[in-house]
PDB file of all heavy atoms in Angstrom:
ATOM      1  N   LYS A   1      15.714  -0.477  -6.299  1.00  0.00           N
ATOM      2  CA  LYS A   1      16.605  -0.570  -7.434  1.00  0.00           C
ATOM      3  C   LYS A   1      18.063  -0.323  -6.856  1.00  0.00           C
ATOM      4  O   LYS A   1      18.304   0.438  -6.024  1.00  0.00           O
ATOM      5  CB  LYS A   1      16.188   0.679  -8.367  1.00  0.00           C
ATOM      6  CG  LYS A   1      17.069   0.825  -9.656  1.00  0.00           C
ATOM      7  CD  LYS A   1      16.458   1.893 -10.472  1.00  0.00           C
ATOM      8  CE  LYS A   1      16.583   3.213  -9.909  1.00  0.00           C
ATOM      9  NZ  LYS A   1      16.221   4.365 -10.791  1.00  0.00           N
ATOM     10  N   ILE A   2      18.968  -1.117  -7.539  1.00  0.00           N
ATOM     11  CA  ILE A   2      20.330  -1.017  -7.031  1.00  0.00           C
ATOM     12  C   ILE A   2      21.021   0.204  -7.618  1.00  0.00           C
ATOM     13  O   ILE A   2      20.863   0.620  -8.706  1.00  0.00           O
ATOM     14  CB  ILE A   2      21.144  -2.250  -7.631  1.00  0.00           C
ATOM     15  CG1 ILE A   2      20.585  -3.591  -6.913  1.00  0.00           C
ATOM     16  CG2 ILE A   2      22.601  -2.144  -7.258  1.00  0.00           C
ATOM     17  CD1 ILE A   2      21.283  -4.803  -7.471  1.00  0.00           C
ATOM     18  N   ASP A   3      21.706   0.817  -6.643  1.00  0.00           N
ATOM     19  CA  ASP A   3      22.501   2.098  -6.925  1.00  0.00           C
ATOM     20  C   ASP A   3      23.923   1.625  -7.277  1.00  0.00           C
ATOM     21  O   ASP A   3      24.607   1.227  -6.280  1.00  0.00           O
ATOM     22  CB  ASP A   3      22.478   3.108  -5.772  1.00  0.00           C
ATOM     23  CG  ASP A   3      23.310   4.309  -6.155  1.00  0.00           C
ATOM     24  OD1 ASP A   3      22.874   5.155  -6.968  1.00  0.00           O
ATOM     25  OD2 ASP A   3      24.383   4.483  -5.535  1.00  0.00           O
ATOM     26  N   MET A   4      24.262   1.515  -8.560  1.00  0.00           N
ATOM     27  CA  MET A   4      25.543   1.069  -8.764  1.00  0.00           C
ATOM     28  C   MET A   4      26.691   1.701  -8.172  1.00  0.00           C
ATOM     29  O   MET A   4      27.683   1.166  -7.796  1.00  0.00           O
ATOM     30  CB  MET A   4      25.681   0.917 -10.392  1.00  0.00           C
ATOM     31  CG  MET A   4      24.801   0.112 -11.017  1.00  0.00           C
ATOM     32  SD  MET A   4      24.863  -1.750 -10.354  1.00  0.00           S
ATOM     33  CE  MET A   4      26.393  -2.086 -10.740  1.00  0.00           C
ATOM     34  N   VAL A   5      26.711   3.063  -8.166  1.00  0.00           N
ATOM     35  CA  VAL A   5      27.831   3.899  -7.669  1.00  0.00           C
ATOM     36  C   VAL A   5      28.095   3.532  -6.179  1.00  0.00           C
ATOM     37  O   VAL A   5      29.228   3.262  -5.682  1.00  0.00           O
ATOM     38  CB  VAL A   5      27.572   5.300  -7.762  1.00  0.00           C
ATOM     39  CG1 VAL A   5      28.658   6.173  -7.101  1.00  0.00           C
ATOM     40  CG2 VAL A   5      27.460   5.767  -9.219  1.00  0.00           C
ATOM     41  N   GLY A   6      26.983   3.471  -5.438  1.00  0.00           N
ATOM     42  CA  GLY A   6      27.080   3.163  -3.973  1.00  0.00           C
ATOM     43  C   GLY A   6      27.516   1.755  -3.706  1.00  0.00           C
ATOM     44  O   GLY A   6      28.301   1.480  -2.801  1.00  0.00           O
ATOM     45  N   THR A   7      27.112   0.907  -4.546  1.00  0.00           N
ATOM     46  CA  THR A   7      27.408  -0.555  -4.469  1.00  0.00           C
ATOM     47  C   THR A   7      28.825  -0.747  -4.752  1.00  0.00           C
ATOM     48  O   THR A   7      29.449  -1.609  -3.998  1.00  0.00           O
ATOM     49  CB  THR A   7      26.450  -1.457  -5.327  1.00  0.00           C
ATOM     50  OG1 THR A   7      24.986  -1.199  -4.997  1.00  0.00           O
ATOM     51  CG2 THR A   7      26.744  -2.887  -5.166  1.00  0.00           C
ATOM     52  N   VAL A   8      29.409  -0.183  -5.723  1.00  0.00           N
ATOM     53  CA  VAL A   8      30.722  -0.294  -6.101  1.00  0.00           C
ATOM     54  C   VAL A   8      31.590   0.298  -4.939  1.00  0.00           C
ATOM     55  O   VAL A   8      32.610  -0.282  -4.650  1.00  0.00           O
ATOM     56  CB  VAL A   8      30.984   0.492  -7.453  1.00  0.00           C
ATOM     57  CG1 VAL A   8      32.592   0.585  -7.666  1.00  0.00           C
ATOM     58  CG2 VAL A   8      30.422  -0.199  -8.611  1.00  0.00           C
ATOM     59  N   LYS A   9      31.185   1.368  -4.402  1.00  0.00           N
ATOM     60  CA  LYS A   9      32.007   1.924  -3.262  1.00  0.00           C
ATOM     61  C   LYS A   9      31.985   1.045  -2.092  1.00  0.00           C
ATOM     62  O   LYS A   9      33.041   0.841  -1.436  1.00  0.00           O
ATOM     63  CB  LYS A   9      31.347   3.307  -2.845  1.00  0.00           C
ATOM     64  CG  LYS A   9      31.751   4.434  -3.756  1.00  0.00           C
ATOM     65  CD  LYS A   9      30.981   5.754  -3.186  1.00  0.00           C
ATOM     66  CE  LYS A   9      31.334   6.928  -4.081  1.00  0.00           C
ATOM     67  NZ  LYS A   9      30.740   8.090  -3.540  1.00  0.00           N
ATOM     68  N   ASN A  10      30.919   0.294  -1.857  1.00  0.00           N
ATOM     69  CA  ASN A  10      30.847  -0.729  -0.852  1.00  0.00           C
ATOM     70  C   ASN A  10      31.842  -1.861  -1.078  1.00  0.00           C
ATOM     71  O   ASN A  10      32.566  -2.465  -0.142  1.00  0.00           O
ATOM     72  CB  ASN A  10      29.380  -1.351  -0.611  1.00  0.00           C
ATOM     73  CG  ASN A  10      28.565  -0.226  -0.018  1.00  0.00           C
ATOM     74  OD1 ASN A  10      28.921   0.591   0.577  1.00  0.00           O
ATOM     75  ND2 ASN A  10      27.195  -0.411  -0.170  1.00  0.00           N
ATOM     76  N   LYS A  11      31.923  -2.322  -2.322  1.00  0.00           N
ATOM     77  CA  LYS A  11      32.654  -3.312  -2.756  1.00  0.00           C
ATOM     78  C   LYS A  11      34.210  -3.020  -2.630  1.00  0.00           C
ATOM     79  O   LYS A  11      34.999  -3.750  -2.141  1.00  0.00           O
ATOM     80  CB  LYS A  11      32.424  -3.615  -4.187  1.00  0.00           C
ATOM     81  CG  LYS A  11      33.243  -4.869  -4.897  1.00  0.00           C
ATOM     82  CD  LYS A  11      32.637  -6.115  -4.301  1.00  0.00           C
ATOM     83  CE  LYS A  11      33.218  -7.231  -5.116  1.00  0.00           C
ATOM     84  NZ  LYS A  11      32.678  -8.622  -4.575  1.00  0.00           N
ATOM     85  N   ILE A  12      34.566  -1.677  -2.976  1.00  0.00           N
ATOM     86  CA  ILE A  12      35.941  -1.235  -2.717  1.00  0.00           C
ATOM     87  C   ILE A  12      36.283  -1.292  -1.239  1.00  0.00           C
ATOM     88  O   ILE A  12      37.410  -1.504  -0.948  1.00  0.00           O
ATOM     89  CB  ILE A  12      36.131   0.265  -3.470  1.00  0.00           C
ATOM     90  CG1 ILE A  12      35.892   0.148  -4.917  1.00  0.00           C
ATOM     91  CG2 ILE A  12      37.424   0.788  -3.006  1.00  0.00           C
ATOM     92  CD1 ILE A  12      35.816   1.531  -5.633  1.00  0.00           C
ATOM     93  N   ASN A  13      35.351  -0.803  -0.447  1.00  0.00           N
ATOM     94  CA  ASN A  13      35.484  -0.700   0.948  1.00  0.00           C
ATOM     95  C   ASN A  13      35.322  -2.029   1.732  1.00  0.00           C
ATOM     96  O   ASN A  13      35.259  -2.163   2.831  1.00  0.00           O
ATOM     97  CB  ASN A  13      34.611   0.293   1.669  1.00  0.00           C
ATOM     98  CG  ASN A  13      35.011   1.823   1.151  1.00  0.00           C
ATOM     99  OD1 ASN A  13      36.118   2.009   0.921  1.00  0.00           O
ATOM    100  ND2 ASN A  13      34.049   2.591   1.001  1.00  0.00           N
ATOM    101  N   ARG A  14      35.273  -3.107   0.816  1.00  0.00           N
ATOM    102  CA  ARG A  14      34.985  -4.460   1.372  1.00  0.00           C
ATOM    103  C   ARG A  14      33.865  -4.571   2.275  1.00  0.00           C
ATOM    104  O   ARG A  14      33.843  -5.400   3.246  1.00  0.00           O
ATOM    105  CB  ARG A  14      36.334  -4.970   2.071  1.00  0.00           C
ATOM    106  CG  ARG A  14      37.551  -4.998   1.092  1.00  0.00           C
ATOM    107  CD  ARG A  14      38.768  -5.468   1.748  1.00  0.00           C
ATOM    108  NE  ARG A  14      39.882  -5.446   0.918  1.00  0.00           N
ATOM    109  CZ  ARG A  14      41.154  -6.001   1.346  1.00  0.00           C
ATOM    110  NH1 ARG A  14      41.270  -6.543   2.504  1.00  0.00           N
ATOM    111  NH2 ARG A  14      42.098  -6.010   0.354  1.00  0.00           N
ATOM    112  N   ARG A  15      32.800  -3.941   1.984  1.00  0.00           N
ATOM    113  CA  ARG A  15      31.620  -4.030   2.699  1.00  0.00           C
ATOM    114  C   ARG A  15      30.668  -4.931   1.773  1.00  0.00           C
ATOM    115  O   ARG A  15      30.396  -4.623   0.767  1.00  0.00           O
ATOM    116  CB  ARG A  15      30.997  -2.595   2.926  1.00  0.00           C
ATOM    117  CG  ARG A  15      31.701  -1.822   3.957  1.00  0.00           C
ATOM    118  CD  ARG A  15      31.007  -0.526   4.206  1.00  0.00           C
ATOM    119  NE  ARG A  15      29.656  -0.725   4.735  1.00  0.00           N
ATOM    120  CZ  ARG A  15      28.538  -0.064   4.547  1.00  0.00           C
ATOM    121  NH1 ARG A  15      28.692   0.958   3.591  1.00  0.00           N
ATOM    122  NH2 ARG A  15      27.356  -0.348   5.178  1.00  0.00           N
ATOM    123  N   LYS A  16      30.055  -5.927   2.448  1.00  0.00           N
ATOM    124  CA  LYS A  16      29.071  -6.882   1.802  1.00  0.00           C
ATOM    125  C   LYS A  16      27.739  -6.252   1.896  1.00  0.00           C
ATOM    126  O   LYS A  16      26.894  -6.775   2.647  1.00  0.00           O
ATOM    127  CB  LYS A  16      29.244  -8.178   2.241  1.00  0.00           C
ATOM    128  CG  LYS A  16      30.535  -8.897   2.076  1.00  0.00           C
ATOM    129  CD  LYS A  16      30.547 -10.291   2.722  1.00  0.00           C
ATOM    130  CE  LYS A  16      31.841 -11.002   2.387  1.00  0.00           C
ATOM    131  NZ  LYS A  16      31.924 -12.394   2.963  1.00  0.00           N
ATOM    132  N   ALA A  17      27.501  -5.155   1.097  1.00  0.00           N
ATOM    133  CA  ALA A  17      26.174  -4.531   1.225  1.00  0.00           C
ATOM    134  C   ALA A  17      25.808  -3.925  -0.236  1.00  0.00           C
ATOM    135  O   ALA A  17      26.682  -3.477  -0.965  1.00  0.00           O
ATOM    136  CB  ALA A  17      26.145  -3.527   2.208  1.00  0.00           C
ATOM    137  N   LEU A  18      24.557  -3.971  -0.433  1.00  0.00           N
ATOM    138  CA  LEU A  18      24.119  -3.440  -1.640  1.00  0.00           C
ATOM    139  C   LEU A  18      23.396  -2.095  -1.428  1.00  0.00           C
ATOM    140  O   LEU A  18      22.627  -1.899  -0.542  1.00  0.00           O
ATOM    141  CB  LEU A  18      23.068  -4.217  -2.434  1.00  0.00           C
ATOM    142  CG  LEU A  18      23.471  -5.668  -2.851  1.00  0.00           C
ATOM    143  CD1 LEU A  18      22.187  -6.501  -3.156  1.00  0.00           C
ATOM    144  CD2 LEU A  18      24.416  -5.591  -4.032  1.00  0.00           C
ATOM    145  N   THR A  19      23.745  -0.960  -2.156  1.00  0.00           N
ATOM    146  CA  THR A  19      23.121   0.197  -2.075  1.00  0.00           C
ATOM    147  C   THR A  19      21.959   0.366  -2.886  1.00  0.00           C
ATOM    148  O   THR A  19      22.025   0.098  -4.099  1.00  0.00           O
ATOM    149  CB  THR A  19      24.081   1.469  -2.368  1.00  0.00           C
ATOM    150  OG1 THR A  19      25.216   1.485  -1.484  1.00  0.00           O
ATOM    151  CG2 THR A  19      23.379   2.777  -2.234  1.00  0.00           C
ATOM    152  N   CYS A  20      20.879   0.485  -2.293  1.00  0.00           N
ATOM    153  CA  CYS A  20      19.542   0.383  -2.954  1.00  0.00           C
ATOM    154  C   CYS A  20      18.766   1.741  -2.872  1.00  0.00           C
ATOM    155  O   CYS A  20      18.797   2.377  -1.826  1.00  0.00           O
ATOM    156  CB  CYS A  20      18.707  -0.631  -2.566  1.00  0.00           C
ATOM    157  SG  CYS A  20      19.468  -2.269  -2.688  1.00  0.00           S
ATOM    158  N   GLU A  21      18.001   2.071  -3.994  1.00  0.00           N
ATOM    159  CA  GLU A  21      17.085   3.179  -3.958  1.00  0.00           C
ATOM    160  C   GLU A  21      15.669   2.562  -3.870  1.00  0.00           C
ATOM    161  O   GLU A  21      15.316   1.657  -4.801  1.00  0.00           O
ATOM    162  CB  GLU A  21      17.244   4.047  -5.231  1.00  0.00           C
ATOM    163  CG  GLU A  21      18.686   4.791  -5.233  1.00  0.00           C
ATOM    164  CD  GLU A  21      18.741   5.701  -6.566  1.00  0.00           C
ATOM    165  OE1 GLU A  21      17.781   5.620  -7.385  1.00  0.00           O
ATOM    166  OE2 GLU A  21      19.733   6.404  -6.635  1.00  0.00           O
ATOM    167  N   TYR A  22      14.814   3.135  -3.062  1.00  0.00           N
ATOM    168  CA  TYR A  22      13.530   2.531  -2.975  1.00  0.00           C
ATOM    169  C   TYR A  22      12.532   3.639  -2.516  1.00  0.00           C
ATOM    170  O   TYR A  22      12.924   4.570  -1.911  1.00  0.00           O
ATOM    171  CB  TYR A  22      13.469   1.438  -1.962  1.00  0.00           C
ATOM    172  CG  TYR A  22      13.874   1.840  -0.537  1.00  0.00           C
ATOM    173  CD1 TYR A  22      12.861   2.101   0.479  1.00  0.00           C
ATOM    174  CD2 TYR A  22      15.153   2.012  -0.048  1.00  0.00           C
ATOM    175  CE1 TYR A  22      13.178   2.421   1.707  1.00  0.00           C
ATOM    176  CE2 TYR A  22      15.536   2.295   1.197  1.00  0.00           C
ATOM    177  CZ  TYR A  22      14.555   2.577   2.095  1.00  0.00           C
ATOM    178  OH  TYR A  22      14.935   2.929   3.371  1.00  0.00           O
ATOM    179  N   ASP A  23      11.203   3.400  -2.800  1.00  0.00           N
ATOM    180  CA  ASP A  23      10.159   4.270  -2.368  1.00  0.00           C
ATOM    181  C   ASP A  23       9.432   3.732  -1.169  1.00  0.00           C
ATOM    182  O   ASP A  23       9.160   2.521  -1.157  1.00  0.00           O
ATOM    183  CB  ASP A  23       9.261   4.570  -3.501  1.00  0.00           C
ATOM    184  CG  ASP A  23       9.864   5.381  -4.757  1.00  0.00           C
ATOM    185  OD1 ASP A  23      10.800   6.091  -4.322  1.00  0.00           O
ATOM    186  OD2 ASP A  23       9.468   5.096  -5.866  1.00  0.00           O
ATOM    187  N   GLU A  24       9.094   4.664  -0.227  1.00  0.00           N
ATOM    188  CA  GLU A  24       8.349   4.194   0.935  1.00  0.00           C
ATOM    189  C   GLU A  24       7.211   5.025   1.174  1.00  0.00           C
ATOM    190  O   GLU A  24       7.234   6.268   1.044  1.00  0.00           O
ATOM    191  CB  GLU A  24       9.276   4.221   2.173  1.00  0.00           C
ATOM    192  CG  GLU A  24       8.725   3.604   3.359  1.00  0.00           C
ATOM    193  CD  GLU A  24       9.747   3.506   4.520  1.00  0.00           C
ATOM    194  OE1 GLU A  24      10.150   4.625   4.957  1.00  0.00           O
ATOM    195  OE2 GLU A  24      10.069   2.428   4.970  1.00  0.00           O
ATOM    196  N   LEU A  25       6.023   4.250   1.408  1.00  0.00           N
ATOM    197  CA  LEU A  25       4.836   5.175   1.643  1.00  0.00           C
ATOM    198  C   LEU A  25       4.836   5.555   3.132  1.00  0.00           C
ATOM    199  O   LEU A  25       5.044   4.743   4.120  1.00  0.00           O
ATOM    200  CB  LEU A  25       3.598   4.046   1.495  1.00  0.00           C
ATOM    201  CG  LEU A  25       2.211   4.738   1.250  1.00  0.00           C
ATOM    202  CD1 LEU A  25       2.225   5.703   0.047  1.00  0.00           C
ATOM    203  CD2 LEU A  25       1.092   3.672   1.235  1.00  0.00           C
ATOM    204  N   THR A  26       4.713   6.855   3.287  1.00  0.00           N
ATOM    205  CA  THR A  26       4.927   7.504   4.614  1.00  0.00           C
ATOM    206  C   THR A  26       3.968   8.611   4.864  1.00  0.00           C
ATOM    207  O   THR A  26       3.287   9.259   3.909  1.00  0.00           O
ATOM    208  CB  THR A  26       6.323   8.127   4.623  1.00  0.00           C
ATOM    209  OG1 THR A  26       6.474   8.758   5.954  1.00  0.00           O
ATOM    210  CG2 THR A  26       6.616   9.140   3.495  1.00  0.00           C
ATOM    211  N   GLU A  27       3.651   8.863   6.092  1.00  0.00           N
ATOM    212  CA  GLU A  27       2.764   9.891   6.582  1.00  0.00           C
ATOM    213  C   GLU A  27       3.583  11.187   6.796  1.00  0.00           C
ATOM    214  O   GLU A  27       2.946  12.206   7.070  1.00  0.00           O
ATOM    215  CB  GLU A  27       2.056   9.494   8.028  1.00  0.00           C
ATOM    216  CG  GLU A  27       1.111   8.224   7.880  1.00  0.00           C
ATOM    217  CD  GLU A  27       0.789   7.627   9.107  1.00  0.00           C
ATOM    218  OE1 GLU A  27       1.426   8.092  10.224  1.00  0.00           O
ATOM    219  OE2 GLU A  27      -0.042   6.826   9.243  1.00  0.00           O
ATOM    220  N   ASN A  28       4.843  11.119   6.770  1.00  0.00           N
ATOM    221  CA  ASN A  28       5.751  12.153   6.968  1.00  0.00           C
ATOM    222  C   ASN A  28       5.824  13.050   5.652  1.00  0.00           C
ATOM    223  O   ASN A  28       6.882  13.121   5.029  1.00  0.00           O
ATOM    224  CB  ASN A  28       7.130  11.781   7.366  1.00  0.00           C
ATOM    225  CG  ASN A  28       7.993  12.890   7.895  1.00  0.00           C
ATOM    226  OD1 ASN A  28       7.425  14.093   8.351  1.00  0.00           O
ATOM    227  ND2 ASN A  28       9.271  12.854   7.740  1.00  0.00           N
ATOM    228  N   ASN A  29       4.766  13.772   5.269  1.00  0.00           N
ATOM    229  CA  ASN A  29       4.608  14.515   4.093  1.00  0.00           C
ATOM    230  C   ASN A  29       4.253  16.000   4.407  1.00  0.00           C
ATOM    231  O   ASN A  29       3.921  16.184   5.699  1.00  0.00           O
ATOM    232  CB  ASN A  29       3.699  13.961   3.056  1.00  0.00           C
ATOM    233  CG  ASN A  29       2.338  13.700   3.651  1.00  0.00           C
ATOM    234  OD1 ASN A  29       1.526  14.552   3.966  1.00  0.00           O
ATOM    235  ND2 ASN A  29       2.022  12.369   3.752  1.00  0.00           N
ATOM    236  N   ILE A  30       4.331  16.821   3.492  1.00  0.00           N
ATOM    237  CA  ILE A  30       4.150  18.214   3.772  1.00  0.00           C
ATOM    238  C   ILE A  30       2.657  18.540   4.410  1.00  0.00           C
ATOM    239  O   ILE A  30       2.554  19.435   5.215  1.00  0.00           O
ATOM    240  CB  ILE A  30       4.269  19.109   2.473  1.00  0.00           C
ATOM    241  CG1 ILE A  30       4.256  20.619   2.823  1.00  0.00           C
ATOM    242  CG2 ILE A  30       3.320  18.666   1.389  1.00  0.00           C
ATOM    243  CD1 ILE A  30       5.317  21.088   3.756  1.00  0.00           C
ATOM    244  N   PHE A  31       1.769  17.790   4.105  1.00  0.00           N
ATOM    245  CA  PHE A  31       0.346  18.095   4.536  1.00  0.00           C
ATOM    246  C   PHE A  31       0.264  17.759   6.062  1.00  0.00           C
ATOM    247  O   PHE A  31      -0.085  18.646   6.862  1.00  0.00           O
ATOM    248  CB  PHE A  31      -0.708  17.092   3.828  1.00  0.00           C
ATOM    249  CG  PHE A  31      -0.689  17.484   2.394  1.00  0.00           C
ATOM    250  CD1 PHE A  31       0.031  16.793   1.393  1.00  0.00           C
ATOM    251  CD2 PHE A  31      -1.616  18.434   1.861  1.00  0.00           C
ATOM    252  CE1 PHE A  31      -0.036  17.143   0.000  1.00  0.00           C
ATOM    253  CE2 PHE A  31      -1.598  18.841   0.602  1.00  0.00           C
ATOM    254  CZ  PHE A  31      -0.899  18.086  -0.356  1.00  0.00           C
ATOM    255  N   ASN A  32       0.753  16.567   6.403  1.00  0.00           N
ATOM    256  CA  ASN A  32       0.822  16.255   7.904  1.00  0.00           C
ATOM    257  C   ASN A  32       1.860  17.111   8.608  1.00  0.00           C
ATOM    258  O   ASN A  32       1.538  17.335   9.925  1.00  0.00           O
ATOM    259  CB  ASN A  32       1.052  14.712   8.067  1.00  0.00           C
ATOM    260  CG  ASN A  32      -0.043  13.895   7.500  1.00  0.00           C
ATOM    261  OD1 ASN A  32      -1.220  14.300   7.699  1.00  0.00           O
ATOM    262  ND2 ASN A  32       0.189  12.812   6.899  1.00  0.00           N
ATOM    263  N   GLN A  33       2.936  17.445   7.974  1.00  0.00           N
ATOM    264  CA  GLN A  33       3.863  18.177   8.609  1.00  0.00           C
ATOM    265  C   GLN A  33       3.318  19.767   8.970  1.00  0.00           C
ATOM    266  O   GLN A  33       3.535  20.243  10.118  1.00  0.00           O
ATOM    267  CB  GLN A  33       5.101  18.435   7.834  1.00  0.00           C
ATOM    268  CG  GLN A  33       5.925  17.221   7.665  1.00  0.00           C
ATOM    269  CD  GLN A  33       7.025  17.253   6.609  1.00  0.00           C
ATOM    270  OE1 GLN A  33       7.079  18.210   5.823  1.00  0.00           O
ATOM    271  NE2 GLN A  33       7.897  16.150   6.478  1.00  0.00           N
ATOM    272  N   ILE A  34       2.513  20.252   8.138  1.00  0.00           N
ATOM    273  CA  ILE A  34       1.899  21.590   8.440  1.00  0.00           C
ATOM    274  C   ILE A  34       0.879  21.428   9.583  1.00  0.00           C
ATOM    275  O   ILE A  34       0.889  22.321  10.360  1.00  0.00           O
ATOM    276  CB  ILE A  34       1.233  22.056   7.217  1.00  0.00           C
ATOM    277  CG1 ILE A  34       2.155  22.480   6.057  1.00  0.00           C
ATOM    278  CG2 ILE A  34       0.260  23.236   7.424  1.00  0.00           C
ATOM    279  CD1 ILE A  34       1.677  22.777   4.704  1.00  0.00           C
ATOM    280  N   ILE A  35       0.234  20.335   9.493  1.00  0.00           N
ATOM    281  CA  ILE A  35      -0.824  20.215  10.625  1.00  0.00           C
ATOM    282  C   ILE A  35      -0.062  20.137  11.973  1.00  0.00           C
ATOM    283  O   ILE A  35      -0.527  20.688  12.988  1.00  0.00           O
ATOM    284  CB  ILE A  35      -1.753  18.977  10.301  1.00  0.00           C
ATOM    285  CG1 ILE A  35      -2.689  19.232   9.117  1.00  0.00           C
ATOM    286  CG2 ILE A  35      -2.528  18.622  11.563  1.00  0.00           C
ATOM    287  CD1 ILE A  35      -3.420  18.106   8.559  1.00  0.00           C
ATOM    288  N   LYS A  36       0.953  19.250  11.978  1.00  0.00           N
ATOM    289  CA  LYS A  36       1.661  18.981  13.248  1.00  0.00           C
ATOM    290  C   LYS A  36       2.264  20.361  13.721  1.00  0.00           C
ATOM    291  O   LYS A  36       2.185  20.632  14.934  1.00  0.00           O
ATOM    292  CB  LYS A  36       2.654  17.899  13.183  1.00  0.00           C
ATOM    293  CG  LYS A  36       3.432  17.705  14.422  1.00  0.00           C
ATOM    294  CD  LYS A  36       4.217  16.378  14.381  1.00  0.00           C
ATOM    295  CE  LYS A  36       4.879  16.098  15.781  1.00  0.00           C
ATOM    296  NZ  LYS A  36       5.636  14.829  15.700  1.00  0.00           N
ATOM    297  N   THR A  37       2.930  20.983  12.804  1.00  0.00           N
ATOM    298  CA  THR A  37       3.660  22.259  13.145  1.00  0.00           C
ATOM    299  C   THR A  37       2.540  23.295  13.785  1.00  0.00           C
ATOM    300  O   THR A  37       2.831  23.941  14.824  1.00  0.00           O
ATOM    301  CB  THR A  37       4.356  22.828  11.972  1.00  0.00           C
ATOM    302  OG1 THR A  37       5.231  22.053  11.511  1.00  0.00           O
ATOM    303  CG2 THR A  37       5.004  24.184  12.366  1.00  0.00           C
TER     304      THR A  37
END
């Protein structure tokens, strides 16, 4: 999903990039963190 605030800041700073919010499936969660610790 496009983050409009971040994308507008990029536009002002003349950066050709879209700021996006996204979800990622990861093993780096509290359960595995406790086991590793």
